[in-house]
N, C-alpha and C. Protein backbone atom coordinates (compact mmCIF):
# COMPACT_ATOMS: atom_id res chain seq x y z
N LYS A 1 -18.84 -99.23 -51.99
CA LYS A 1 -17.69 -100.05 -51.69
C LYS A 1 -17.81 -100.68 -50.29
N ASP A 2 -18.28 -99.89 -49.32
CA ASP A 2 -18.41 -100.42 -47.95
C ASP A 2 -19.42 -101.55 -47.89
N ILE A 3 -20.53 -101.41 -48.62
CA ILE A 3 -21.54 -102.47 -48.65
C ILE A 3 -20.96 -103.72 -49.27
N ALA A 4 -20.29 -103.58 -50.40
CA ALA A 4 -19.68 -104.74 -51.07
C ALA A 4 -18.66 -105.42 -50.15
N ASN A 5 -17.83 -104.63 -49.50
CA ASN A 5 -16.82 -105.20 -48.59
C ASN A 5 -17.47 -105.89 -47.40
N SER A 6 -18.55 -105.33 -46.88
CA SER A 6 -19.20 -105.95 -45.72
C SER A 6 -19.88 -107.26 -46.09
N ILE A 7 -20.46 -107.34 -47.28
CA ILE A 7 -21.06 -108.60 -47.73
C ILE A 7 -19.98 -109.66 -47.88
N ARG A 8 -18.88 -109.31 -48.53
CA ARG A 8 -17.78 -110.27 -48.70
C ARG A 8 -17.20 -110.71 -47.36
N TYR A 9 -17.05 -109.77 -46.44
CA TYR A 9 -16.53 -110.08 -45.11
C TYR A 9 -17.44 -111.09 -44.40
N ALA A 10 -18.74 -110.84 -44.44
CA ALA A 10 -19.69 -111.74 -43.78
C ALA A 10 -19.64 -113.14 -44.40
N VAL A 11 -19.61 -113.21 -45.72
CA VAL A 11 -19.53 -114.51 -46.42
C VAL A 11 -18.24 -115.22 -46.04
N ASP A 12 -17.12 -114.52 -46.10
CA ASP A 12 -15.82 -115.13 -45.81
C ASP A 12 -15.69 -115.58 -44.36
N ASN A 13 -16.53 -115.04 -43.48
CA ASN A 13 -16.47 -115.41 -42.07
C ASN A 13 -17.62 -116.31 -41.64
N GLY A 14 -18.24 -116.99 -42.62
CA GLY A 14 -19.18 -118.06 -42.32
C GLY A 14 -20.64 -117.69 -42.16
N ALA A 15 -21.04 -116.49 -42.51
CA ALA A 15 -22.45 -116.12 -42.39
C ALA A 15 -23.31 -116.97 -43.32
N GLN A 16 -24.45 -117.42 -42.83
CA GLN A 16 -25.44 -118.10 -43.66
C GLN A 16 -26.56 -117.17 -44.06
N ILE A 17 -26.74 -116.13 -43.25
CA ILE A 17 -27.80 -115.14 -43.45
C ILE A 17 -27.17 -113.76 -43.25
N ILE A 18 -27.47 -112.85 -44.17
CA ILE A 18 -27.02 -111.48 -44.00
C ILE A 18 -28.25 -110.58 -43.95
N ASN A 19 -28.40 -109.89 -42.82
CA ASN A 19 -29.47 -108.92 -42.63
C ASN A 19 -28.97 -107.57 -43.14
N MET A 20 -29.63 -107.06 -44.17
CA MET A 20 -29.21 -105.79 -44.77
C MET A 20 -30.29 -104.74 -44.53
N SER A 21 -30.23 -104.13 -43.38
CA SER A 21 -31.20 -103.11 -43.00
C SER A 21 -30.66 -101.73 -43.38
N PHE A 22 -30.47 -101.54 -44.66
CA PHE A 22 -29.98 -100.27 -45.19
C PHE A 22 -30.41 -100.17 -46.64
N GLY A 23 -30.35 -98.98 -47.17
CA GLY A 23 -30.68 -98.78 -48.57
C GLY A 23 -30.72 -97.31 -48.91
N LYS A 24 -30.78 -97.03 -50.19
CA LYS A 24 -30.88 -95.66 -50.66
C LYS A 24 -31.47 -95.65 -52.05
N SER A 25 -31.79 -94.49 -52.54
CA SER A 25 -32.46 -94.39 -53.84
C SER A 25 -31.50 -94.35 -55.02
N TYR A 26 -30.21 -94.24 -54.77
CA TYR A 26 -29.24 -94.16 -55.85
C TYR A 26 -27.97 -94.89 -55.44
N SER A 27 -27.34 -95.57 -56.38
CA SER A 27 -26.10 -96.28 -56.08
C SER A 27 -25.10 -96.04 -57.21
N PRO A 28 -24.05 -95.29 -56.94
CA PRO A 28 -23.06 -95.03 -57.99
C PRO A 28 -22.18 -96.24 -58.30
N ARG A 29 -22.14 -97.22 -57.42
CA ARG A 29 -21.27 -98.38 -57.61
C ARG A 29 -22.08 -99.68 -57.59
N GLN A 30 -23.19 -99.68 -58.32
CA GLN A 30 -24.07 -100.85 -58.33
C GLN A 30 -23.33 -102.12 -58.76
N LYS A 31 -22.48 -102.02 -59.75
CA LYS A 31 -21.79 -103.20 -60.28
C LYS A 31 -20.93 -103.87 -59.20
N ILE A 32 -20.21 -103.08 -58.42
CA ILE A 32 -19.35 -103.63 -57.36
C ILE A 32 -20.20 -104.32 -56.29
N VAL A 33 -21.30 -103.69 -55.92
CA VAL A 33 -22.19 -104.27 -54.91
C VAL A 33 -22.83 -105.54 -55.46
N PHE A 34 -23.27 -105.50 -56.71
CA PHE A 34 -23.91 -106.69 -57.29
C PHE A 34 -22.93 -107.85 -57.39
N GLU A 35 -21.66 -107.58 -57.67
CA GLU A 35 -20.65 -108.66 -57.69
C GLU A 35 -20.52 -109.29 -56.31
N ALA A 36 -20.58 -108.49 -55.25
CA ALA A 36 -20.52 -109.03 -53.89
C ALA A 36 -21.78 -109.84 -53.58
N ILE A 37 -22.92 -109.37 -54.06
CA ILE A 37 -24.18 -110.09 -53.87
C ILE A 37 -24.10 -111.44 -54.59
N LYS A 38 -23.57 -111.46 -55.79
CA LYS A 38 -23.39 -112.73 -56.52
C LYS A 38 -22.43 -113.65 -55.78
N TYR A 39 -21.40 -113.07 -55.16
CA TYR A 39 -20.46 -113.85 -54.36
C TYR A 39 -21.19 -114.53 -53.21
N ALA A 40 -22.10 -113.81 -52.57
CA ALA A 40 -22.90 -114.40 -51.49
C ALA A 40 -23.77 -115.53 -52.04
N GLN A 41 -24.37 -115.32 -53.20
CA GLN A 41 -25.19 -116.36 -53.81
C GLN A 41 -24.36 -117.61 -54.12
N GLN A 42 -23.17 -117.42 -54.67
CA GLN A 42 -22.30 -118.55 -55.00
C GLN A 42 -21.87 -119.32 -53.76
N ASN A 43 -21.91 -118.66 -52.60
CA ASN A 43 -21.50 -119.30 -51.35
C ASN A 43 -22.69 -119.67 -50.47
N ASN A 44 -23.88 -119.75 -51.08
CA ASN A 44 -25.10 -120.20 -50.39
C ASN A 44 -25.44 -119.39 -49.15
N VAL A 45 -25.40 -118.07 -49.30
CA VAL A 45 -25.77 -117.17 -48.22
C VAL A 45 -27.10 -116.51 -48.57
N LEU A 46 -28.03 -116.52 -47.63
CA LEU A 46 -29.33 -115.89 -47.80
C LEU A 46 -29.20 -114.40 -47.49
N LEU A 47 -29.69 -113.57 -48.41
CA LEU A 47 -29.62 -112.11 -48.24
C LEU A 47 -31.02 -111.56 -47.99
N LEU A 48 -31.17 -110.83 -46.89
CA LEU A 48 -32.44 -110.23 -46.52
C LEU A 48 -32.26 -108.72 -46.50
N HIS A 49 -33.10 -108.01 -47.26
CA HIS A 49 -32.92 -106.57 -47.41
C HIS A 49 -34.19 -105.81 -47.02
N ALA A 50 -34.01 -104.76 -46.23
CA ALA A 50 -35.11 -103.88 -45.83
C ALA A 50 -35.57 -103.05 -47.03
N ALA A 51 -36.88 -103.04 -47.26
CA ALA A 51 -37.45 -102.39 -48.45
C ALA A 51 -37.39 -100.88 -48.42
N GLY A 52 -37.32 -100.28 -47.24
CA GLY A 52 -37.28 -98.83 -47.14
C GLY A 52 -38.53 -98.28 -46.46
N ASN A 53 -38.42 -97.05 -45.99
CA ASN A 53 -39.45 -96.43 -45.17
C ASN A 53 -39.99 -95.14 -45.77
N SER A 54 -40.18 -95.11 -47.06
CA SER A 54 -40.64 -93.89 -47.74
C SER A 54 -42.06 -93.98 -48.24
N ASN A 55 -42.79 -95.04 -47.89
CA ASN A 55 -44.15 -95.27 -48.36
C ASN A 55 -44.23 -95.11 -49.88
N GLN A 56 -43.30 -95.75 -50.56
CA GLN A 56 -43.26 -95.65 -52.02
C GLN A 56 -43.34 -97.04 -52.65
N ASP A 57 -43.73 -97.08 -53.89
CA ASP A 57 -43.81 -98.32 -54.66
C ASP A 57 -42.43 -98.62 -55.25
N ASN A 58 -41.77 -99.62 -54.69
CA ASN A 58 -40.43 -99.97 -55.17
C ASN A 58 -40.44 -100.55 -56.58
N ASP A 59 -41.61 -100.93 -57.08
CA ASP A 59 -41.69 -101.36 -58.49
C ASP A 59 -41.45 -100.17 -59.41
N LEU A 60 -41.82 -98.98 -58.95
CA LEU A 60 -41.68 -97.76 -59.76
C LEU A 60 -40.42 -96.99 -59.43
N ILE A 61 -40.05 -96.95 -58.16
CA ILE A 61 -38.86 -96.23 -57.71
C ILE A 61 -37.99 -97.21 -56.94
N PRO A 62 -36.98 -97.78 -57.58
CA PRO A 62 -36.18 -98.82 -56.91
C PRO A 62 -35.35 -98.29 -55.75
N VAL A 63 -35.07 -99.18 -54.82
CA VAL A 63 -34.18 -98.92 -53.69
C VAL A 63 -32.96 -99.79 -53.89
N PHE A 64 -31.78 -99.28 -53.56
CA PHE A 64 -30.53 -100.01 -53.76
C PHE A 64 -29.89 -100.31 -52.41
N PRO A 65 -29.21 -101.43 -52.27
CA PRO A 65 -29.03 -102.43 -53.32
C PRO A 65 -30.33 -103.19 -53.59
N SER A 66 -30.33 -103.90 -54.69
CA SER A 66 -31.51 -104.69 -55.04
C SER A 66 -31.10 -106.05 -55.57
N LYS A 67 -32.09 -106.92 -55.73
CA LYS A 67 -31.82 -108.28 -56.19
C LYS A 67 -31.65 -108.38 -57.69
N GLU A 68 -31.72 -107.24 -58.38
CA GLU A 68 -31.61 -107.25 -59.83
C GLU A 68 -30.62 -106.19 -60.30
N TYR A 69 -29.80 -106.58 -61.27
CA TYR A 69 -28.86 -105.65 -61.89
C TYR A 69 -28.74 -106.04 -63.35
N GLN A 70 -29.05 -105.11 -64.22
CA GLN A 70 -28.99 -105.34 -65.67
C GLN A 70 -29.68 -106.65 -66.05
N LYS A 71 -30.89 -106.81 -65.55
CA LYS A 71 -31.78 -107.95 -65.85
C LYS A 71 -31.32 -109.29 -65.30
N GLU A 72 -30.25 -109.31 -64.52
CA GLU A 72 -29.83 -110.52 -63.82
C GLU A 72 -30.41 -110.47 -62.42
N VAL A 73 -31.06 -111.57 -62.00
CA VAL A 73 -31.75 -111.60 -60.72
C VAL A 73 -31.05 -112.57 -59.78
N ILE A 74 -30.90 -112.15 -58.54
CA ILE A 74 -30.32 -112.99 -57.49
C ILE A 74 -31.45 -113.78 -56.84
N GLU A 75 -31.28 -115.08 -56.77
CA GLU A 75 -32.34 -115.98 -56.28
C GLU A 75 -32.31 -116.19 -54.77
N ASN A 76 -31.26 -115.77 -54.10
CA ASN A 76 -31.16 -116.00 -52.65
C ASN A 76 -31.43 -114.71 -51.88
N TRP A 77 -32.30 -113.86 -52.42
CA TRP A 77 -32.59 -112.53 -51.88
C TRP A 77 -34.06 -112.43 -51.52
N LEU A 78 -34.34 -111.88 -50.36
CA LEU A 78 -35.71 -111.55 -49.96
C LEU A 78 -35.77 -110.06 -49.63
N GLU A 79 -36.72 -109.36 -50.23
CA GLU A 79 -36.96 -107.95 -49.95
C GLU A 79 -38.11 -107.88 -48.95
N ILE A 80 -37.87 -107.20 -47.82
CA ILE A 80 -38.79 -107.25 -46.69
C ILE A 80 -39.46 -105.90 -46.47
N GLY A 81 -40.79 -105.93 -46.43
CA GLY A 81 -41.57 -104.76 -46.05
C GLY A 81 -42.02 -104.89 -44.61
N ALA A 82 -42.51 -103.80 -44.04
CA ALA A 82 -42.95 -103.80 -42.64
C ALA A 82 -44.47 -103.84 -42.56
N SER A 83 -44.96 -104.72 -41.70
CA SER A 83 -46.40 -104.81 -41.47
C SER A 83 -46.75 -104.24 -40.11
N SER A 84 -48.01 -103.90 -39.97
CA SER A 84 -48.55 -103.50 -38.67
C SER A 84 -49.16 -104.75 -38.04
N PRO A 85 -49.58 -104.68 -36.80
CA PRO A 85 -50.18 -105.87 -36.17
C PRO A 85 -51.63 -106.12 -36.57
N VAL A 86 -52.19 -105.29 -37.45
CA VAL A 86 -53.61 -105.39 -37.80
C VAL A 86 -53.76 -105.98 -39.20
N ALA A 87 -54.55 -107.04 -39.31
CA ALA A 87 -54.74 -107.71 -40.60
C ALA A 87 -55.94 -107.12 -41.35
N ASP A 88 -55.84 -105.83 -41.68
CA ASP A 88 -56.89 -105.18 -42.45
C ASP A 88 -56.23 -104.22 -43.43
N SER A 89 -56.94 -103.17 -43.81
CA SER A 89 -56.38 -102.25 -44.80
C SER A 89 -55.14 -101.52 -44.30
N SER A 90 -54.89 -101.54 -42.99
CA SER A 90 -53.68 -100.91 -42.47
C SER A 90 -52.56 -101.94 -42.24
N PHE A 91 -52.69 -103.09 -42.89
CA PHE A 91 -51.72 -104.17 -42.71
C PHE A 91 -50.29 -103.73 -43.03
N ILE A 92 -50.11 -103.04 -44.14
CA ILE A 92 -48.78 -102.53 -44.46
C ILE A 92 -48.57 -101.29 -43.61
N ALA A 93 -47.48 -101.28 -42.86
CA ALA A 93 -47.20 -100.12 -42.01
C ALA A 93 -47.16 -98.86 -42.87
N ARG A 94 -47.71 -97.76 -42.36
CA ARG A 94 -47.90 -96.54 -43.15
C ARG A 94 -46.63 -96.02 -43.79
N PHE A 95 -45.48 -96.31 -43.24
CA PHE A 95 -44.20 -95.82 -43.75
C PHE A 95 -43.54 -96.78 -44.73
N SER A 96 -43.94 -98.05 -44.69
CA SER A 96 -43.22 -99.10 -45.43
C SER A 96 -43.32 -98.93 -46.94
N ASN A 97 -42.20 -99.14 -47.61
CA ASN A 97 -42.25 -99.25 -49.06
C ASN A 97 -42.99 -100.53 -49.40
N PHE A 98 -43.51 -100.59 -50.61
CA PHE A 98 -44.31 -101.71 -51.05
C PHE A 98 -44.01 -101.94 -52.53
N GLY A 99 -44.59 -102.95 -53.11
CA GLY A 99 -44.42 -103.25 -54.53
C GLY A 99 -44.80 -104.68 -54.81
N LYS A 100 -45.75 -104.84 -55.69
CA LYS A 100 -46.27 -106.17 -56.01
C LYS A 100 -45.16 -107.11 -56.47
N ASN A 101 -44.21 -106.59 -57.25
CA ASN A 101 -43.13 -107.43 -57.79
C ASN A 101 -41.84 -107.33 -57.00
N SER A 102 -41.61 -106.24 -56.31
CA SER A 102 -40.32 -106.03 -55.68
C SER A 102 -40.25 -106.47 -54.22
N ILE A 103 -41.37 -106.50 -53.52
CA ILE A 103 -41.37 -106.91 -52.11
C ILE A 103 -41.78 -108.38 -52.03
N ASP A 104 -40.97 -109.17 -51.34
CA ASP A 104 -41.22 -110.61 -51.26
C ASP A 104 -42.11 -110.99 -50.09
N ILE A 105 -41.95 -110.30 -48.97
CA ILE A 105 -42.66 -110.68 -47.76
C ILE A 105 -42.73 -109.48 -46.81
N PHE A 106 -43.77 -109.44 -46.00
CA PHE A 106 -43.91 -108.42 -44.97
C PHE A 106 -43.77 -109.09 -43.62
N ALA A 107 -43.18 -108.38 -42.68
CA ALA A 107 -42.99 -108.90 -41.32
C ALA A 107 -43.25 -107.76 -40.34
N PRO A 108 -43.53 -108.10 -39.07
CA PRO A 108 -43.78 -107.05 -38.09
C PRO A 108 -42.65 -106.02 -38.06
N GLY A 109 -43.04 -104.76 -38.17
CA GLY A 109 -42.05 -103.69 -38.18
C GLY A 109 -42.54 -102.42 -37.50
N LEU A 110 -43.62 -102.53 -36.77
CA LEU A 110 -44.20 -101.35 -36.11
C LEU A 110 -44.10 -101.51 -34.60
N ARG A 111 -43.43 -100.57 -33.96
CA ARG A 111 -43.27 -100.56 -32.50
C ARG A 111 -42.66 -101.87 -31.97
N ILE A 112 -41.48 -102.18 -32.49
CA ILE A 112 -40.74 -103.38 -32.08
C ILE A 112 -39.76 -103.00 -30.98
N ARG A 113 -39.79 -103.74 -29.90
CA ARG A 113 -38.87 -103.49 -28.78
C ARG A 113 -37.46 -103.90 -29.20
N SER A 114 -36.53 -102.98 -29.03
CA SER A 114 -35.16 -103.23 -29.48
C SER A 114 -34.15 -102.59 -28.53
N THR A 115 -32.94 -103.05 -28.63
CA THR A 115 -31.87 -102.50 -27.80
C THR A 115 -31.43 -101.14 -28.32
N VAL A 116 -30.99 -100.29 -27.40
CA VAL A 116 -30.41 -98.99 -27.72
C VAL A 116 -29.18 -98.81 -26.81
N PRO A 117 -28.36 -97.81 -27.08
CA PRO A 117 -27.15 -97.63 -26.26
C PRO A 117 -27.44 -97.51 -24.75
N ASP A 118 -26.42 -97.73 -23.98
CA ASP A 118 -26.45 -97.66 -22.52
C ASP A 118 -27.32 -98.73 -21.89
N ASN A 119 -27.31 -99.93 -22.49
CA ASN A 119 -28.00 -101.08 -21.93
C ASN A 119 -29.49 -100.82 -21.71
N GLN A 120 -30.11 -100.16 -22.69
CA GLN A 120 -31.52 -99.80 -22.60
C GLN A 120 -32.31 -100.43 -23.75
N TYR A 121 -33.63 -100.30 -23.65
CA TYR A 121 -34.55 -100.77 -24.69
C TYR A 121 -35.48 -99.63 -25.09
N ASN A 122 -35.91 -99.66 -26.34
CA ASN A 122 -36.85 -98.68 -26.86
C ASN A 122 -37.72 -99.34 -27.91
N LEU A 123 -38.84 -98.71 -28.22
CA LEU A 123 -39.66 -99.17 -29.33
C LEU A 123 -39.19 -98.48 -30.60
N ALA A 124 -39.07 -99.23 -31.68
CA ALA A 124 -38.64 -98.67 -32.96
C ALA A 124 -39.51 -99.25 -34.06
N SER A 125 -39.62 -98.50 -35.14
CA SER A 125 -40.42 -98.94 -36.29
C SER A 125 -39.60 -98.79 -37.56
N GLY A 126 -39.87 -99.65 -38.52
CA GLY A 126 -39.21 -99.54 -39.81
C GLY A 126 -39.00 -100.90 -40.44
N THR A 127 -38.67 -100.88 -41.72
CA THR A 127 -38.34 -102.13 -42.39
C THR A 127 -37.03 -102.70 -41.83
N SER A 128 -36.22 -101.84 -41.21
CA SER A 128 -35.02 -102.32 -40.54
C SER A 128 -35.33 -103.09 -39.26
N MET A 129 -36.56 -102.99 -38.78
CA MET A 129 -37.01 -103.80 -37.66
C MET A 129 -37.67 -105.08 -38.17
N ALA A 130 -38.30 -105.01 -39.33
CA ALA A 130 -38.97 -106.18 -39.91
C ALA A 130 -37.96 -107.19 -40.45
N THR A 131 -36.90 -106.72 -41.04
CA THR A 131 -35.93 -107.62 -41.68
C THR A 131 -35.29 -108.59 -40.68
N PRO A 132 -34.88 -108.16 -39.48
CA PRO A 132 -34.35 -109.13 -38.52
C PRO A 132 -35.37 -110.17 -38.05
N VAL A 133 -36.66 -109.82 -38.09
CA VAL A 133 -37.69 -110.81 -37.76
C VAL A 133 -37.61 -111.97 -38.75
N VAL A 134 -37.48 -111.65 -40.03
CA VAL A 134 -37.37 -112.68 -41.06
C VAL A 134 -36.03 -113.41 -40.93
N ALA A 135 -34.97 -112.69 -40.59
CA ALA A 135 -33.66 -113.34 -40.38
C ALA A 135 -33.75 -114.37 -39.25
N GLY A 136 -34.48 -114.03 -38.19
CA GLY A 136 -34.65 -114.98 -37.09
C GLY A 136 -35.42 -116.21 -37.51
N ALA A 137 -36.48 -116.02 -38.30
CA ALA A 137 -37.24 -117.17 -38.81
C ALA A 137 -36.37 -118.04 -39.70
N ALA A 138 -35.56 -117.40 -40.54
CA ALA A 138 -34.65 -118.16 -41.42
C ALA A 138 -33.63 -118.95 -40.60
N ALA A 139 -33.11 -118.33 -39.56
CA ALA A 139 -32.15 -119.02 -38.69
C ALA A 139 -32.77 -120.24 -38.03
N LEU A 140 -34.03 -120.13 -37.62
CA LEU A 140 -34.72 -121.28 -37.03
C LEU A 140 -34.89 -122.41 -38.04
N LEU A 141 -35.16 -122.05 -39.30
CA LEU A 141 -35.28 -123.08 -40.34
C LEU A 141 -33.95 -123.80 -40.55
N TYR A 142 -32.86 -123.04 -40.58
CA TYR A 142 -31.52 -123.66 -40.71
C TYR A 142 -31.21 -124.54 -39.49
N GLN A 143 -31.68 -124.12 -38.31
CA GLN A 143 -31.44 -124.92 -37.11
C GLN A 143 -32.14 -126.28 -37.21
N VAL A 144 -33.36 -126.27 -37.74
CA VAL A 144 -34.12 -127.51 -37.89
C VAL A 144 -33.51 -128.39 -38.99
N ASN A 145 -33.08 -127.76 -40.09
CA ASN A 145 -32.50 -128.52 -41.19
C ASN A 145 -31.33 -127.75 -41.80
N PRO A 146 -30.10 -128.03 -41.36
CA PRO A 146 -28.92 -127.31 -41.85
C PRO A 146 -28.61 -127.57 -43.33
N ASN A 147 -29.28 -128.55 -43.93
CA ASN A 147 -29.03 -128.86 -45.33
C ASN A 147 -29.89 -128.04 -46.30
N LEU A 148 -30.72 -127.17 -45.77
CA LEU A 148 -31.53 -126.32 -46.65
C LEU A 148 -30.64 -125.34 -47.41
N THR A 149 -31.01 -125.06 -48.64
CA THR A 149 -30.32 -124.03 -49.42
C THR A 149 -31.01 -122.69 -49.16
N PRO A 150 -30.34 -121.58 -49.46
CA PRO A 150 -31.01 -120.29 -49.31
C PRO A 150 -32.30 -120.21 -50.13
N GLN A 151 -32.31 -120.80 -51.30
CA GLN A 151 -33.51 -120.78 -52.14
C GLN A 151 -34.65 -121.56 -51.47
N MET A 152 -34.32 -122.67 -50.80
CA MET A 152 -35.34 -123.44 -50.08
C MET A 152 -35.89 -122.64 -48.91
N VAL A 153 -35.01 -121.98 -48.17
CA VAL A 153 -35.45 -121.17 -47.03
C VAL A 153 -36.35 -120.04 -47.53
N LYS A 154 -35.94 -119.39 -48.59
CA LYS A 154 -36.75 -118.33 -49.18
C LYS A 154 -38.13 -118.87 -49.56
N MET A 155 -38.17 -120.01 -50.21
CA MET A 155 -39.44 -120.59 -50.65
C MET A 155 -40.31 -120.94 -49.44
N ILE A 156 -39.73 -121.52 -48.41
CA ILE A 156 -40.50 -121.88 -47.20
C ILE A 156 -41.08 -120.63 -46.56
N LEU A 157 -40.28 -119.60 -46.43
CA LEU A 157 -40.77 -118.36 -45.82
C LEU A 157 -41.89 -117.74 -46.64
N GLU A 158 -41.74 -117.71 -47.95
CA GLU A 158 -42.77 -117.12 -48.80
C GLU A 158 -44.05 -117.93 -48.80
N PHE A 159 -43.93 -119.25 -48.89
CA PHE A 159 -45.12 -120.09 -48.99
C PHE A 159 -45.83 -120.33 -47.66
N THR A 160 -45.14 -120.09 -46.56
CA THR A 160 -45.79 -120.28 -45.26
C THR A 160 -46.25 -118.96 -44.65
N ALA A 161 -45.93 -117.85 -45.30
CA ALA A 161 -46.42 -116.56 -44.82
C ALA A 161 -47.94 -116.53 -44.97
N GLN A 162 -48.60 -115.93 -44.02
CA GLN A 162 -50.05 -115.84 -44.05
C GLN A 162 -50.48 -114.78 -45.05
N PRO A 163 -51.14 -115.17 -46.13
CA PRO A 163 -51.62 -114.15 -47.08
C PRO A 163 -52.79 -113.37 -46.48
N LEU A 164 -52.88 -112.12 -46.83
CA LEU A 164 -53.98 -111.29 -46.37
C LEU A 164 -55.06 -111.31 -47.44
N SER A 165 -56.07 -112.12 -47.22
CA SER A 165 -57.12 -112.37 -48.20
C SER A 165 -57.85 -111.09 -48.60
N GLY A 166 -57.98 -110.88 -49.90
CA GLY A 166 -58.74 -109.77 -50.43
C GLY A 166 -58.07 -108.43 -50.31
N TYR A 167 -56.80 -108.40 -49.96
CA TYR A 167 -56.10 -107.15 -49.76
C TYR A 167 -55.24 -106.82 -50.97
N ASN A 168 -55.43 -105.66 -51.52
CA ASN A 168 -54.63 -105.20 -52.65
C ASN A 168 -53.89 -103.95 -52.20
N MET A 169 -52.58 -104.05 -52.01
CA MET A 169 -51.84 -102.92 -51.45
C MET A 169 -51.89 -101.69 -52.34
N LEU A 170 -52.02 -101.86 -53.63
CA LEU A 170 -52.07 -100.70 -54.51
C LEU A 170 -53.39 -99.97 -54.41
N GLU A 171 -54.48 -100.71 -54.17
CA GLU A 171 -55.79 -100.08 -54.02
C GLU A 171 -55.96 -99.45 -52.64
N GLN A 172 -55.16 -99.85 -51.67
CA GLN A 172 -55.31 -99.35 -50.31
C GLN A 172 -54.54 -98.05 -50.10
N GLY A 173 -53.85 -97.55 -51.13
CA GLY A 173 -53.12 -96.32 -51.00
C GLY A 173 -51.85 -96.47 -50.20
N ALA A 174 -51.30 -97.68 -50.21
CA ALA A 174 -50.07 -97.91 -49.46
C ALA A 174 -48.93 -97.15 -50.08
């Protein structure tokens, strides 16, 4: 209920992008959350969700909330995994969830400098660090062209991401 209410609140208060750096393996109120997600889609809001930090295949073990509910798919959703700074077999951060079909894009999520209480900074890692990186890129795209739809922003981000040639995340033991 809190997730559904927070999505609706953000939409009703003019958000164009919602960073959802949270998730869990079970959702007793999926329908209520999915209705809020559809509400965001109907209001042209881009939803960015952290894939999770369990080093698991989200194609096999889903994380909630998700872009799909009872075979209905939300088109303004990006599922974000965390990458390391190395473009080799360790490209996917060791903790990041992965999935050929469920993860849309990977972004830096290892040792990211971030704010912490008492006006301090610390290094943090996780898909919750990677997702705001993508949110920032999306915001820059909207700044350049405010007429873009969430689906266009999603497409631009996916098609301009640097593919890692010859890398198969399932064969690398991610």
